[in-house]
């Protein structure tokens, strides 16, 4: 024998039926506190400082990052050396 019972409950009613605590007031306080802290810290965020932290040496830092990526790609492909950068006016080898 198989018996099926369908019960329509809202989440609040289901929590009450199962005896679970209502955490909504606590969640609202936590969200309000989080919003307050984020808003107060937004004044400390300076885009220029973020860029300086990411690229501390400017173009040289970008070049070092490219070299790092190139080395990782070469290692993944089984090794090999990075071709030396060509000077202005130098012809490419075939």
Protein backbone atom coordinates (compact mmCIF):
# COMPACT_ATOMS: atom_id res chain seq x y z
CA UNK A 1 0.00 0.00 0.00
CA UNK A 2 1.27 3.43 -0.89
CA UNK A 3 -0.07 6.63 0.65
CA UNK A 4 0.82 10.10 -0.57
CA UNK A 5 0.07 13.26 1.37
CA UNK A 6 0.64 16.70 -0.16
CA UNK A 7 1.06 19.54 2.29
CA UNK A 8 1.29 23.15 1.20
CA UNK A 9 3.29 25.23 3.65
CA UNK A 10 5.23 28.44 3.46
CA UNK A 11 8.83 28.27 4.71
CA UNK A 12 7.79 30.09 7.90
CA UNK A 13 4.98 27.60 8.54
CA UNK A 14 7.30 24.65 7.88
CA UNK A 15 9.88 25.99 10.38
CA UNK A 16 7.19 26.44 13.02
CA UNK A 17 5.77 22.96 12.34
CA UNK A 18 9.20 21.39 12.75
CA UNK A 19 10.05 23.49 15.81
CA UNK A 20 12.95 25.30 14.19
CA UNK A 21 13.85 28.82 15.35
CA UNK A 22 13.01 31.88 13.28
CA UNK A 23 16.39 33.31 12.29
CA UNK A 24 15.09 36.15 10.12
CA UNK A 25 15.53 38.91 12.76
CA UNK A 26 19.13 37.82 13.36
CA UNK A 27 19.81 37.66 9.62
CA UNK A 28 18.40 41.16 9.15
CA UNK A 29 20.67 42.53 11.90
CA UNK A 30 23.71 40.80 10.38
CA UNK A 31 22.94 42.15 6.92
CA UNK A 32 22.44 45.66 8.29
CA UNK A 33 25.78 45.47 10.12
CA UNK A 34 27.52 44.14 7.01
CA UNK A 35 26.09 46.95 4.88
CA UNK A 36 27.20 49.51 7.48
CA UNK A 37 30.77 48.17 7.55
CA UNK A 38 31.00 47.99 3.76
CA UNK A 39 29.73 51.55 3.42
CA UNK A 40 32.25 52.84 5.98
CA UNK A 41 35.14 51.04 4.25
CA UNK A 42 34.21 52.29 0.78
CA UNK A 43 35.79 55.64 1.62
CA UNK A 44 39.15 53.90 2.07
CA UNK A 45 39.12 52.27 -1.36
CA UNK A 46 41.30 54.18 -3.79
CA UNK A 47 41.47 52.78 -7.34
CA UNK A 48 44.97 54.15 -7.82
CA UNK A 49 46.23 52.26 -4.76
CA UNK A 50 44.61 49.05 -6.00
CA UNK A 51 46.37 49.37 -9.36
CA UNK A 52 49.68 50.10 -7.62
CA UNK A 53 49.23 46.98 -5.49
CA UNK A 54 48.54 44.84 -8.55
CA UNK A 55 51.32 46.33 -10.69
CA UNK A 56 53.93 47.62 -8.24
CA UNK A 57 56.58 48.42 -10.86
CA UNK A 58 54.31 49.54 -13.68
CA UNK A 59 55.26 48.27 -17.12
CA UNK A 60 58.16 46.26 -15.73
CA UNK A 61 55.72 44.40 -13.48
CA UNK A 62 53.51 43.67 -16.48
CA UNK A 63 56.50 42.33 -18.41
CA UNK A 64 57.45 40.08 -15.49
CA UNK A 65 53.87 38.80 -15.36
CA UNK A 66 53.98 38.05 -19.10
CA UNK A 67 57.28 36.20 -18.64
CA UNK A 68 55.72 34.16 -15.85
CA UNK A 69 52.78 33.19 -18.08
CA UNK A 70 55.12 32.38 -20.96
CA UNK A 71 57.22 30.13 -18.74
CA UNK A 72 54.14 28.32 -17.45
CA UNK A 73 52.90 27.79 -21.02
CA UNK A 74 56.29 26.46 -22.11
CA UNK A 75 56.41 24.07 -19.17
CA UNK A 76 52.91 22.84 -19.95
CA UNK A 77 53.90 22.23 -23.58
CA UNK A 78 56.91 20.16 -22.63
CA UNK A 79 59.67 22.68 -22.14
CA UNK A 80 61.63 24.73 -24.58
CA UNK A 81 63.21 28.11 -24.40
CA UNK A 82 61.56 31.46 -24.84
CA UNK A 83 62.70 33.13 -28.05
CA UNK A 84 64.90 36.14 -27.45
CA UNK A 85 63.14 39.45 -28.07
CA UNK A 86 63.94 40.93 -31.48
CA UNK A 87 65.57 44.34 -31.67
CA UNK A 88 64.10 46.99 -33.92
CA UNK A 89 64.96 46.36 -37.56
CA UNK A 90 65.84 42.68 -37.01
CA UNK A 91 64.31 40.25 -39.48
CA UNK A 92 62.24 37.35 -38.29
CA UNK A 93 63.67 33.90 -38.89
CA UNK A 94 61.57 31.46 -40.95
